[in-house]
PDB file of N, CA and C in Angstrom:
ATOM      1  N   MET A   1     -19.303 -25.333   9.105  1.00  0.00           N
ATOM      2  CA  MET A   1     -19.319 -24.765   7.783  1.00  0.00           C
ATOM      3  C   MET A   1     -20.752 -24.744   7.338  1.00  0.00           C
ATOM      4  N   ALA A   2     -22.109 -24.920   8.190  1.00  0.00           N
ATOM      5  CA  ALA A   2     -23.197 -24.300   7.788  1.00  0.00           C
ATOM      6  C   ALA A   2     -23.483 -23.043   7.482  1.00  0.00           C
ATOM      7  N   ASN A   3     -22.729 -22.408   8.941  1.00  0.00           N
ATOM      8  CA  ASN A   3     -22.670 -20.930   8.831  1.00  0.00           C
ATOM      9  C   ASN A   3     -22.100 -20.284   7.635  1.00  0.00           C
ATOM     10  N   ASP A   4     -21.389 -20.948   6.659  1.00  0.00           N
ATOM     11  CA  ASP A   4     -20.687 -20.411   5.210  1.00  0.00           C
ATOM     12  C   ASP A   4     -21.679 -20.673   4.399  1.00  0.00           C
ATOM     13  N   LEU A   5     -22.653 -21.561   4.584  1.00  0.00           N
ATOM     14  CA  LEU A   5     -23.564 -22.080   3.347  1.00  0.00           C
ATOM     15  C   LEU A   5     -24.782 -21.020   3.169  1.00  0.00           C
ATOM     16  N   SER A   6     -24.700 -20.414   1.758  1.00  0.00           N
ATOM     17  CA  SER A   6     -25.758 -19.613   1.408  1.00  0.00           C
ATOM     18  C   SER A   6     -26.721 -20.154   0.180  1.00  0.00           C
ATOM     19  N   ILE A   7     -27.871 -20.245   0.568  1.00  0.00           N
ATOM     20  CA  ILE A   7     -28.627 -20.881  -0.604  1.00  0.00           C
ATOM     21  C   ILE A   7     -29.899 -19.825  -1.105  1.00  0.00           C
ATOM     22  N   THR A   8     -29.811 -19.437  -2.180  1.00  0.00           N
ATOM     23  CA  THR A   8     -30.494 -18.862  -3.095  1.00  0.00           C
ATOM     24  C   THR A   8     -31.856 -19.680  -4.002  1.00  0.00           C
ATOM     25  N   TYR A   9     -32.793 -19.726  -3.925  1.00  0.00           N
ATOM     26  CA  TYR A   9     -33.596 -20.828  -4.780  1.00  0.00           C
ATOM     27  C   TYR A   9     -34.346 -19.767  -5.529  1.00  0.00           C
ATOM     28  N   TYR A  10     -34.481 -19.937  -7.103  1.00  0.00           N
ATOM     29  CA  TYR A  10     -35.160 -19.031  -7.547  1.00  0.00           C
ATOM     30  C   TYR A  10     -36.275 -19.798  -8.339  1.00  0.00           C
ATOM     31  N   VAL A  11     -37.395 -19.384  -7.888  1.00  0.00           N
ATOM     32  CA  VAL A  11     -38.767 -19.951  -8.417  1.00  0.00           C
ATOM     33  C   VAL A  11     -39.373 -19.522  -9.268  1.00  0.00           C
ATOM     34  N   SER A  12     -39.713 -20.334 -10.527  1.00  0.00           N
ATOM     35  CA  SER A  12     -40.560 -19.979 -11.878  1.00  0.00           C
ATOM     36  C   SER A  12     -41.927 -20.612 -11.501  1.00  0.00           C
ATOM     37  N   GLN A  13     -42.793 -19.346 -12.021  1.00  0.00           N
ATOM     38  CA  GLN A  13     -44.289 -19.747 -12.121  1.00  0.00           C
ATOM     39  C   GLN A  13     -44.605 -20.637 -12.966  1.00  0.00           C
ATOM     40  N   ASP A  14     -43.582 -21.055 -13.871  1.00  0.00           N
ATOM     41  CA  ASP A  14     -43.898 -22.323 -14.593  1.00  0.00           C
ATOM     42  C   ASP A  14     -43.687 -23.436 -14.017  1.00  0.00           C
ATOM     43  N   MET A  15     -43.086 -23.567 -13.093  1.00  0.00           N
ATOM     44  CA  MET A  15     -43.011 -25.041 -12.229  1.00  0.00           C
ATOM     45  C   MET A  15     -44.157 -25.241 -11.367  1.00  0.00           C
ATOM     46  N   LEU A  16     -45.193 -24.253 -11.308  1.00  0.00           N
ATOM     47  CA  LEU A  16     -46.074 -24.656 -10.413  1.00  0.00           C
ATOM     48  C   LEU A  16     -47.450 -24.549 -11.031  1.00  0.00           C
ATOM     49  N   GLY A  17     -47.317 -24.510 -12.611  1.00  0.00           N
ATOM     50  CA  GLY A  17     -48.511 -24.390 -13.271  1.00  0.00           C
ATOM     51  C   GLY A  17     -49.058 -23.066 -13.509  1.00  0.00           C
ATOM     52  N   VAL A  18     -49.782 -22.819 -13.108  1.00  0.00           N
ATOM     53  CA  VAL A  18     -50.599 -21.437 -13.417  1.00  0.00           C
ATOM     54  C   VAL A  18     -50.925 -21.263 -11.823  1.00  0.00           C
ATOM     55  N   PRO A  19     -50.092 -20.783 -11.107  1.00  0.00           N
ATOM     56  CA  PRO A  19     -50.414 -20.322  -9.713  1.00  0.00           C
ATOM     57  C   PRO A  19     -51.197 -19.181  -9.370  1.00  0.00           C
ATOM     58  N   SER A  20     -51.982 -18.699  -8.287  1.00  0.00           N
ATOM     59  CA  SER A  20     -52.589 -17.539  -8.336  1.00  0.00           C
ATOM     60  C   SER A  20     -51.273 -16.831  -7.428  1.00  0.00           C
ATOM     61  N   ASP A  21     -51.320 -15.548  -7.264  1.00  0.00           N
ATOM     62  CA  ASP A  21     -50.363 -14.867  -6.177  1.00  0.00           C
ATOM     63  C   ASP A  21     -50.303 -15.460  -4.927  1.00  0.00           C
ATOM     64  N   ASP A  22     -51.154 -15.722  -4.485  1.00  0.00           N
ATOM     65  CA  ASP A  22     -51.429 -16.479  -2.781  1.00  0.00           C
ATOM     66  C   ASP A  22     -50.886 -17.830  -2.926  1.00  0.00           C
ATOM     67  N   GLU A  23     -50.973 -18.683  -4.041  1.00  0.00           N
ATOM     68  CA  GLU A  23     -50.494 -20.010  -4.202  1.00  0.00           C
ATOM     69  C   GLU A  23     -48.840 -19.511  -4.362  1.00  0.00           C
ATOM     70  N   LEU A  24     -48.494 -18.840  -5.369  1.00  0.00           N
ATOM     71  CA  LEU A  24     -47.220 -18.599  -5.159  1.00  0.00           C
ATOM     72  C   LEU A  24     -46.349 -18.179  -3.838  1.00  0.00           C
ATOM     73  N   GLU A  25     -46.929 -17.133  -3.179  1.00  0.00           N
ATOM     74  CA  GLU A  25     -46.540 -16.819  -2.043  1.00  0.00           C
ATOM     75  C   GLU A  25     -46.467 -17.799  -0.998  1.00  0.00           C
ATOM     76  N   ARG A  26     -47.236 -18.606  -1.000  1.00  0.00           N
ATOM     77  CA  ARG A  26     -47.392 -19.601  -0.051  1.00  0.00           C
ATOM     78  C   ARG A  26     -46.425 -20.990  -0.151  1.00  0.00           C
ATOM     79  N   PHE A  27     -46.231 -21.218  -1.574  1.00  0.00           N
ATOM     80  CA  PHE A  27     -45.091 -21.871  -2.006  1.00  0.00           C
ATOM     81  C   PHE A  27     -43.760 -21.785  -1.506  1.00  0.00           C
ATOM     82  N   LYS A  28     -43.313 -20.279  -1.914  1.00  0.00           N
ATOM     83  CA  LYS A  28     -42.310 -19.832  -1.428  1.00  0.00           C
ATOM     84  C   LYS A  28     -42.147 -20.018  -0.137  1.00  0.00           C
ATOM     85  N   ASP A  29     -43.235 -19.423   1.101  1.00  0.00           N
ATOM     86  CA  ASP A  29     -43.039 -19.381   2.215  1.00  0.00           C
ATOM     87  C   ASP A  29     -42.903 -20.543   2.822  1.00  0.00           C
ATOM     88  N   LEU A  30     -43.361 -21.783   2.422  1.00  0.00           N
ATOM     89  CA  LEU A  30     -43.329 -23.542   2.597  1.00  0.00           C
ATOM     90  C   LEU A  30     -41.852 -23.894   2.295  1.00  0.00           C
ATOM     91  N   LEU A  31     -41.292 -23.510   1.173  1.00  0.00           N
ATOM     92  CA  LEU A  31     -40.115 -23.630   0.723  1.00  0.00           C
ATOM     93  C   LEU A  31     -38.981 -23.001   1.815  1.00  0.00           C
ATOM     94  N   LEU A  32     -39.013 -21.769   1.898  1.00  0.00           N
ATOM     95  CA  LEU A  32     -38.040 -20.928   2.909  1.00  0.00           C
ATOM     96  C   LEU A  32     -38.173 -21.670   4.229  1.00  0.00           C
ATOM     97  N   ASP A  33     -39.568 -22.039   4.741  1.00  0.00           N
ATOM     98  CA  ASP A  33     -39.239 -22.713   5.909  1.00  0.00           C
ATOM     99  C   ASP A  33     -38.944 -23.879   5.955  1.00  0.00           C
ATOM    100  N   ALA A  34     -38.672 -24.632   5.026  1.00  0.00           N
ATOM    101  CA  ALA A  34     -38.213 -26.116   4.732  1.00  0.00           C
ATOM    102  C   ALA A  34     -37.236 -26.337   4.610  1.00  0.00           C
ATOM    103  N   LEU A  35     -36.353 -25.274   3.835  1.00  0.00           N
ATOM    104  CA  LEU A  35     -34.920 -24.967   3.900  1.00  0.00           C
ATOM    105  C   LEU A  35     -34.151 -24.775   5.093  1.00  0.00           C
ATOM    106  N   GLN A  36     -35.105 -23.545   5.808  1.00  0.00           N
ATOM    107  CA  GLN A  36     -34.478 -23.130   6.948  1.00  0.00           C
ATOM    108  C   GLN A  36     -34.401 -24.251   8.105  1.00  0.00           C
ATOM    109  N   ASP A  37     -35.313 -25.195   8.012  1.00  0.00           N
ATOM    110  CA  ASP A  37     -35.424 -26.528   8.959  1.00  0.00           C
ATOM    111  C   ASP A  37     -34.172 -27.404   8.655  1.00  0.00           C
ATOM    112  N   GLU A  38     -33.912 -27.578   7.518  1.00  0.00           N
ATOM    113  CA  GLU A  38     -32.650 -28.077   6.966  1.00  0.00           C
ATOM    114  C   GLU A  38     -31.464 -27.739   7.358  1.00  0.00           C
ATOM    115  N   TRP A  39     -31.164 -26.427   6.932  1.00  0.00           N
ATOM    116  CA  TRP A  39     -30.255 -25.715   7.425  1.00  0.00           C
ATOM    117  C   TRP A  39     -30.214 -24.442   8.371  1.00  0.00           C
ATOM    118  N   PRO A  40     -30.382 -24.783   9.270  1.00  0.00           N
ATOM    119  CA  PRO A  40     -30.875 -23.853  10.523  1.00  0.00           C
ATOM    120  C   PRO A  40     -30.016 -22.203  10.296  1.00  0.00           C
ATOM    121  N   ASP A  41     -28.256 -22.706  10.205  1.00  0.00           N
ATOM    122  CA  ASP A  41     -27.417 -21.675  10.137  1.00  0.00           C
ATOM    123  C   ASP A  41     -27.040 -20.918   8.704  1.00  0.00           C
ATOM    124  N   ALA A  42     -27.823 -21.528   8.071  1.00  0.00           N
ATOM    125  CA  ALA A  42     -27.669 -21.010   6.643  1.00  0.00           C
ATOM    126  C   ALA A  42     -28.273 -19.707   6.270  1.00  0.00           C
ATOM    127  N   GLN A  43     -27.877 -18.756   5.180  1.00  0.00           N
ATOM    128  CA  GLN A  43     -28.256 -18.121   4.538  1.00  0.00           C
ATOM    129  C   GLN A  43     -29.201 -18.593   3.346  1.00  0.00           C
ATOM    130  N   ILE A  44     -30.365 -18.011   3.752  1.00  0.00           N
ATOM    131  CA  ILE A  44     -31.303 -18.644   2.855  1.00  0.00           C
ATOM    132  C   ILE A  44     -32.305 -17.529   2.172  1.00  0.00           C
ATOM    133  N   SER A  45     -32.431 -17.405   0.639  1.00  0.00           N
ATOM    134  CA  SER A  45     -33.291 -16.878   0.470  1.00  0.00           C
ATOM    135  C   SER A  45     -33.997 -17.393  -0.836  1.00  0.00           C
ATOM    136  N   ILE A  46     -35.350 -16.900  -1.355  1.00  0.00           N
ATOM    137  CA  ILE A  46     -36.255 -17.434  -2.153  1.00  0.00           C
ATOM    138  C   ILE A  46     -36.786 -16.096  -3.097  1.00  0.00           C
ATOM    139  N   GLU A  47     -36.429 -16.495  -4.161  1.00  0.00           N
ATOM    140  CA  GLU A  47     -37.012 -15.031  -5.471  1.00  0.00           C
ATOM    141  C   GLU A  47     -37.514 -15.687  -6.487  1.00  0.00           C
ATOM    142  N   ASP A  48     -37.994 -14.689  -7.162  1.00  0.00           N
ATOM    143  CA  ASP A  48     -39.009 -15.266  -8.308  1.00  0.00           C
ATOM    144  C   ASP A  48     -37.940 -14.891  -9.881  1.00  0.00           C
ATOM    145  N   ASP A  49     -38.014 -15.757 -10.599  1.00  0.00           N
ATOM    146  CA  ASP A  49     -37.537 -15.722 -12.040  1.00  0.00           C
ATOM    147  C   ASP A  49     -38.025 -16.694 -12.902  1.00  0.00           C
ATOM    148  N   GLU A  50     -37.617 -16.657 -14.302  1.00  0.00           N
ATOM    149  CA  GLU A  50     -38.329 -16.838 -15.128  1.00  0.00           C
ATOM    150  C   GLU A  50     -37.912 -18.550 -15.084  1.00  0.00           C
ATOM    151  N   ASP A  51     -36.731 -18.698 -14.503  1.00  0.00           N
ATOM    152  CA  ASP A  51     -36.282 -20.236 -14.527  1.00  0.00           C
ATOM    153  C   ASP A  51     -35.997 -20.729 -13.183  1.00  0.00           C
ATOM    154  N   GLU A  52     -36.296 -21.632 -12.864  1.00  0.00           N
ATOM    155  CA  GLU A  52     -36.238 -22.393 -11.598  1.00  0.00           C
ATOM    156  C   GLU A  52     -34.770 -22.749 -11.505  1.00  0.00           C
ATOM    157  N   ARG A  53     -33.761 -22.658 -10.353  1.00  0.00           N
ATOM    158  CA  ARG A  53     -32.716 -23.150  -9.994  1.00  0.00           C
ATOM    159  C   ARG A  53     -32.322 -22.868  -8.758  1.00  0.00           C
ATOM    160  N   ALA A  54     -31.420 -23.678  -8.148  1.00  0.00           N
ATOM    161  CA  ALA A  54     -30.843 -22.943  -7.018  1.00  0.00           C
ATOM    162  C   ALA A  54     -29.370 -22.796  -7.293  1.00  0.00           C
ATOM    163  N   VAL A  55     -29.051 -21.597  -6.358  1.00  0.00           N
ATOM    164  CA  VAL A  55     -27.301 -21.080  -6.481  1.00  0.00           C
ATOM    165  C   VAL A  55     -27.587 -21.486  -5.178  1.00  0.00           C
ATOM    166  N   ILE A  56     -26.112 -22.423  -4.910  1.00  0.00           N
ATOM    167  CA  ILE A  56     -25.779 -22.570  -3.566  1.00  0.00           C
ATOM    168  C   ILE A  56     -24.187 -22.375  -3.646  1.00  0.00           C
ATOM    169  N   ASP A  57     -23.597 -21.492  -2.362  1.00  0.00           N
ATOM    170  CA  ASP A  57     -22.323 -21.106  -2.272  1.00  0.00           C
ATOM    171  C   ASP A  57     -21.979 -21.416  -1.026  1.00  0.00           C
ATOM    172  N   GLY A  58     -20.577 -21.619  -0.712  1.00  0.00           N
ATOM    173  CA  GLY A  58     -19.855 -21.998   0.619  1.00  0.00           C
ATOM    174  C   GLY A  58     -19.444 -23.495   0.349  1.00  0.00           C
ATOM    175  N   PRO A  59     -20.278 -24.598   0.263  1.00  0.00           N
ATOM    176  CA  PRO A  59     -20.003 -25.853   0.358  1.00  0.00           C
ATOM    177  C   PRO A  59     -18.660 -26.288  -1.104  1.00  0.00           C
ATOM    178  N   ARG A  60     -18.100 -27.242  -0.727  1.00  0.00           N
ATOM    179  CA  ARG A  60     -17.388 -27.753  -2.130  1.00  0.00           C
ATOM    180  C   ARG A  60     -17.422 -29.208  -2.193  1.00  0.00           C
ATOM    181  N   GLY A  61     -17.116 -29.772  -3.512  1.00  0.00           N
ATOM    182  CA  GLY A  61     -16.894 -31.273  -3.339  1.00  0.00           C
ATOM    183  C   GLY A  61     -18.480 -31.840  -3.296  1.00  0.00           C
ATOM    184  N   GLN A  62     -18.303 -32.830  -2.308  1.00  0.00           N
ATOM    185  CA  GLN A  62     -19.563 -34.028  -2.210  1.00  0.00           C
ATOM    186  C   GLN A  62     -20.540 -33.243  -1.409  1.00  0.00           C
ATOM    187  N   PHE A  63     -20.420 -32.245  -0.339  1.00  0.00           N
ATOM    188  CA  PHE A  63     -21.141 -31.305   0.460  1.00  0.00           C
ATOM    189  C   PHE A  63     -22.047 -30.727  -0.365  1.00  0.00           C
ATOM    190  N   LEU A  64     -21.088 -30.463  -1.464  1.00  0.00           N
ATOM    191  CA  LEU A  64     -22.240 -29.096  -2.325  1.00  0.00           C
ATOM    192  C   LEU A  64     -23.158 -30.138  -3.447  1.00  0.00           C
ATOM    193  N   GLN A  65     -22.658 -31.575  -3.795  1.00  0.00           N
ATOM    194  CA  GLN A  65     -23.941 -32.156  -4.586  1.00  0.00           C
ATOM    195  C   GLN A  65     -24.730 -32.651  -3.558  1.00  0.00           C
ATOM    196  N   ASP A  66     -24.495 -32.786  -2.294  1.00  0.00           N
ATOM    197  CA  ASP A  66     -25.467 -33.545  -1.334  1.00  0.00           C
ATOM    198  C   ASP A  66     -26.460 -32.411  -0.811  1.00  0.00           C
ATOM    199  N   VAL A  67     -26.074 -30.978  -0.771  1.00  0.00           N
ATOM    200  CA  VAL A  67     -26.714 -29.916  -0.588  1.00  0.00           C
ATOM    201  C   VAL A  67     -27.872 -29.770  -1.826  1.00  0.00           C
ATOM    202  N   GLU A  68     -27.191 -29.859  -3.079  1.00  0.00           N
ATOM    203  CA  GLU A  68     -27.915 -29.621  -4.028  1.00  0.00           C
ATOM    204  C   GLU A  68     -29.172 -30.571  -4.102  1.00  0.00           C
ATOM    205  N   ASP A  69     -28.769 -31.662  -4.014  1.00  0.00           N
ATOM    206  CA  ASP A  69     -29.614 -32.784  -4.129  1.00  0.00           C
ATOM    207  C   ASP A  69     -30.808 -32.992  -2.936  1.00  0.00           C
ATOM    208  N   ARG A  70     -30.417 -32.389  -2.090  1.00  0.00           N
ATOM    209  CA  ARG A  70     -31.410 -32.221  -0.895  1.00  0.00           C
ATOM    210  C   ARG A  70     -32.372 -30.882  -0.867  1.00  0.00           C
ATOM    211  N   VAL A  71     -32.069 -29.944  -1.812  1.00  0.00           N
ATOM    212  CA  VAL A  71     -32.647 -28.827  -2.116  1.00  0.00           C
ATOM    213  C   VAL A  71     -33.359 -29.267  -2.852  1.00  0.00           C
ATOM    214  N   ASN A  72     -33.513 -30.123  -3.824  1.00  0.00           N
ATOM    215  CA  ASN A  72     -34.002 -30.768  -5.055  1.00  0.00           C
ATOM    216  C   ASN A  72     -35.006 -31.222  -4.415  1.00  0.00           C
ATOM    217  N   ASP A  73     -34.880 -32.272  -3.544  1.00  0.00           N
ATOM    218  CA  ASP A  73     -35.839 -33.331  -3.029  1.00  0.00           C
ATOM    219  C   ASP A  73     -36.802 -32.601  -2.116  1.00  0.00           C
ATOM    220  N   VAL A  74     -36.411 -31.458  -1.339  1.00  0.00           N
ATOM    221  CA  VAL A  74     -37.500 -30.661  -0.674  1.00  0.00           C
ATOM    222  C   VAL A  74     -38.305 -29.792  -1.357  1.00  0.00           C
ATOM    223  N   VAL A  75     -37.909 -29.326  -2.639  1.00  0.00           N
ATOM    224  CA  VAL A  75     -38.533 -28.734  -3.427  1.00  0.00           C
ATOM    225  C   VAL A  75     -39.362 -29.452  -4.027  1.00  0.00           C
ATOM    226  N   ASP A  76     -39.245 -30.934  -4.681  1.00  0.00           N
ATOM    227  CA  ASP A  76     -40.189 -31.945  -4.942  1.00  0.00           C
ATOM    228  C   ASP A  76     -40.667 -32.132  -3.675  1.00  0.00           C
ATOM    229  N   GLU A  77     -40.897 -32.429  -2.613  1.00  0.00           N
ATOM    230  CA  GLU A  77     -42.180 -32.833  -1.851  1.00  0.00           C
ATOM    231  C   GLU A  77     -42.724 -31.703  -1.364  1.00  0.00           C
ATOM    232  N   ILE A  78     -42.461 -30.530  -1.586  1.00  0.00           N
ATOM    233  CA  ILE A  78     -43.497 -29.119  -1.348  1.00  0.00           C
ATOM    234  C   ILE A  78     -44.156 -29.285  -2.475  1.00  0.00           C
ATOM    235  N   LEU A  79     -43.924 -29.690  -3.679  1.00  0.00           N
ATOM    236  CA  LEU A  79     -44.737 -29.324  -5.069  1.00  0.00           C
ATOM    237  C   LEU A  79     -45.607 -30.600  -4.970  1.00  0.00           C
ATOM    238  N   GLU A  80     -45.488 -32.110  -4.294  1.00  0.00           N
ATOM    239  CA  GLU A  80     -46.405 -32.718  -4.235  1.00  0.00           C
ATOM    240  C   GLU A  80     -47.220 -33.042  -3.168  1.00  0.00           C
ATOM    241  N   GLY A  81     -46.721 -32.490  -2.064  1.00  0.00           N
ATOM    242  CA  GLY A  81     -47.545 -31.911  -1.073  1.00  0.00           C
ATOM    243  C   GLY A  81     -48.502 -31.531  -1.738  1.00  0.00           C
ATOM    244  N   GLY A  82     -48.612 -30.342  -2.189  1.00  0.00           N
ATOM    245  CA  GLY A  82     -49.972 -29.639  -2.529  1.00  0.00           C
ATOM    246  C   GLY A  82     -50.321 -28.309  -1.901  1.00  0.00           C
ATOM    247  N   ALA A  83     -49.724 -28.626  -0.383  1.00  0.00           N
ATOM    248  CA  ALA A  83     -50.232 -27.695   0.770  1.00  0.00           C
ATOM    249  C   ALA A  83     -50.375 -26.015   0.461  1.00  0.00           C
ATOM    250  N   TRP A  84     -49.785 -25.654  -0.859  1.00  0.00           N
ATOM    251  CA  TRP A  84     -49.466 -24.470  -1.558  1.00  0.00           C
ATOM    252  C   TRP A  84     -50.729 -24.037  -2.147  1.00  0.00           C
ATOM    253  N   ARG A  85     -51.569 -25.190  -2.580  1.00  0.00           N
ATOM    254  CA  ARG A  85     -52.572 -24.796  -3.570  1.00  0.00           C
ATOM    255  C   ARG A  85     -53.717 -24.217  -3.112  1.00  0.00           C
ATOM    256  N   ASP A  86     -54.358 -23.518  -3.527  1.00  0.00           N
ATOM    257  CA  ASP A  86     -55.952 -23.027  -3.261  1.00  0.00           C
ATOM    258  C   ASP A  86     -56.868 -24.226  -3.315  1.00  0.00           C
ATOM    259  N   GLU A  87     -57.549 -24.277  -2.139  1.00  0.00           N
ATOM    260  CA  GLU A  87     -58.647 -25.492  -2.470  1.00  0.00           C
ATOM    261  C   GLU A  87     -59.585 -25.417  -3.700  1.00  0.00           C
ATOM    262  N   GLU A  88     -59.725 -26.123  -4.351  1.00  0.00           N
ATOM    263  CA  GLU A  88     -60.737 -25.766  -5.359  1.00  0.00           C
ATOM    264  C   GLU A  88     -62.058 -26.307  -5.233  1.00  0.00           C
ATOM    265  N   GLU A  89     -62.888 -25.495  -5.299  1.00  0.00           N
ATOM    266  CA  GLU A  89     -64.300 -26.070  -4.738  1.00  0.00           C
ATOM    267  C   GLU A  89     -64.985 -27.101  -5.847  1.00  0.00           C
ATOM    268  N   ASP A  90     -65.570 -27.920  -5.018  1.00  0.00           N
ATOM    269  CA  ASP A  90     -66.188 -28.918  -5.879  1.00  0.00           C
ATOM    270  C   ASP A  90     -67.389 -28.481  -5.945  1.00  0.00           C
ATOM    271  N   LEU A  91     -67.735 -28.659  -7.843  1.00  0.00           N
ATOM    272  CA  LEU A  91     -69.086 -28.088  -7.788  1.00  0.00           C
ATOM    273  C   LEU A  91     -70.205 -29.439  -7.741  1.00  0.00           C
ATOM    274  N   PHE A  92     -69.886 -30.217  -7.682  1.00  0.00           N
ATOM    275  CA  PHE A  92     -70.752 -31.478  -7.468  1.00  0.00           C
ATOM    276  C   PHE A  92     -70.886 -31.787  -5.898  1.00  0.00           C
ATOM    277  N   GLY A  93     -70.012 -32.063  -5.227  1.00  0.00           N
ATOM    278  CA  GLY A  93     -69.656 -32.554  -3.786  1.00  0.00           C
ATOM    279  C   GLY A  93     -69.439 -33.861  -4.099  1.00  0.00           C
ATOM    280  N   ASP A  94     -68.805 -34.448  -3.384  1.00  0.00           N
ATOM    281  CA  ASP A  94     -68.694 -35.822  -3.431  1.00  0.00           C
ATOM    282  C   ASP A  94     -69.600 -37.021  -3.419  1.00  0.00           C
ATOM    283  N   ASP A  95     -70.680 -36.603  -2.645  1.00  0.00           N
ATOM    284  CA  ASP A  95     -72.101 -37.798  -2.800  1.00  0.00           C
ATOM    285  C   ASP A  95     -72.584 -37.594  -4.381  1.00  0.00           C
ATOM    286  N   GLU A  96     -72.708 -36.869  -4.483  1.00  0.00           N
ATOM    287  CA  GLU A  96     -73.556 -36.310  -5.658  1.00  0.00           C
ATOM    288  C   GLU A  96     -72.777 -36.782  -6.897  1.00  0.00           C
ATOM    289  N   GLU A  97     -71.436 -36.553  -6.864  1.00  0.00           N
ATOM    290  CA  GLU A  97     -70.982 -36.985  -7.942  1.00  0.00           C
ATOM    291  C   GLU A  97     -70.639 -38.258  -8.377  1.00  0.00           C
ATOM    292  N   SER A  98     -70.477 -39.305  -7.028  1.00  0.00           N
ATOM    293  CA  SER A  98     -70.535 -40.523  -7.056  1.00  0.00           C
ATOM    294  C   SER A  98     -71.638 -41.001  -7.638  1.00  0.00           C
ATOM    295  N   GLU A  99     -73.086 -40.312  -7.036  1.00  0.00           N
ATOM    296  CA  GLU A  99     -74.327 -40.869  -7.135  1.00  0.00           C
ATOM    297  C   GLU A  99     -74.256 -40.414  -9.444  1.00  0.00           C
ATOM    298  N   LEU A 100     -73.868 -39.733  -9.782  1.00  0.00           N
ATOM    299  CA  LEU A 100     -73.701 -39.531 -11.009  1.00  0.00           C
ATOM    300  C   LEU A 100     -73.056 -40.612 -11.748  1.00  0.00           C
ATOM    301  N   ASP A 101     -71.969 -41.233 -11.288  1.00  0.00           N
ATOM    302  CA  ASP A 101     -70.995 -42.131 -11.699  1.00  0.00           C
ATOM    303  C   ASP A 101     -71.740 -43.171 -11.798  1.00  0.00           C
ATOM    304  N   GLU A 102     -72.256 -43.837 -10.601  1.00  0.00           N
ATOM    305  CA  GLU A 102     -72.962 -45.150 -10.573  1.00  0.00           C
ATOM    306  C   GLU A 102     -74.740 -45.165 -11.304  1.00  0.00           C
ATOM    307  N   GLY A 103     -75.316 -44.497 -11.575  1.00  0.00           N
ATOM    308  CA  GLY A 103     -76.674 -43.793 -12.035  1.00  0.00           C
ATOM    309  C   GLY A 103     -76.480 -43.932 -13.463  1.00  0.00           C
ATOM    310  N   GLU A 104     -75.479 -43.588 -14.092  1.00  0.00           N
ATOM    311  CA  GLU A 104     -75.947 -43.661 -15.626  1.00  0.00           C
ATOM    312  C   GLU A 104     -74.765 -44.809 -16.270  1.00  0.00           C
ATOM    313  N   ASP A 105     -75.371 -45.365 -16.820  1.00  0.00           N
ATOM    314  CA  ASP A 105     -74.439 -46.693 -17.589  1.00  0.00           C
ATOM    315  C   ASP A 105     -74.570 -46.440 -19.360  1.00  0.00           C
ATOM    316  N   PHE A 106     -73.709 -46.255 -19.995  1.00  0.00           N
ATOM    317  CA  PHE A 106     -73.611 -46.056 -21.393  1.00  0.00           C
ATOM    318  C   PHE A 106     -73.393 -46.988 -22.090  1.00  0.00           C
TER     319      PHE A 106
END
């Protein structure tokens, strides 16, 4: 049945905050890889759109619900993992920041 499964996930930039183009592409690549790992025989694509959503074709009934739930879980895991984000430069560095916090009492 997995070979009859087609998943198209529409990614909205709003769901990522204000991502750079590189961050958006990394997120989409990570999502595609994760969904292909989950369903290797399925036809999977990741597209841009104004609204985030998954369009799943093929399964019916409880299987459809299970796939929808798992897709949402995978998206949440990638969002929370943050591997798609650019590393932000720490202006102070960890040592300097902690010294500032400890050295000033108001």
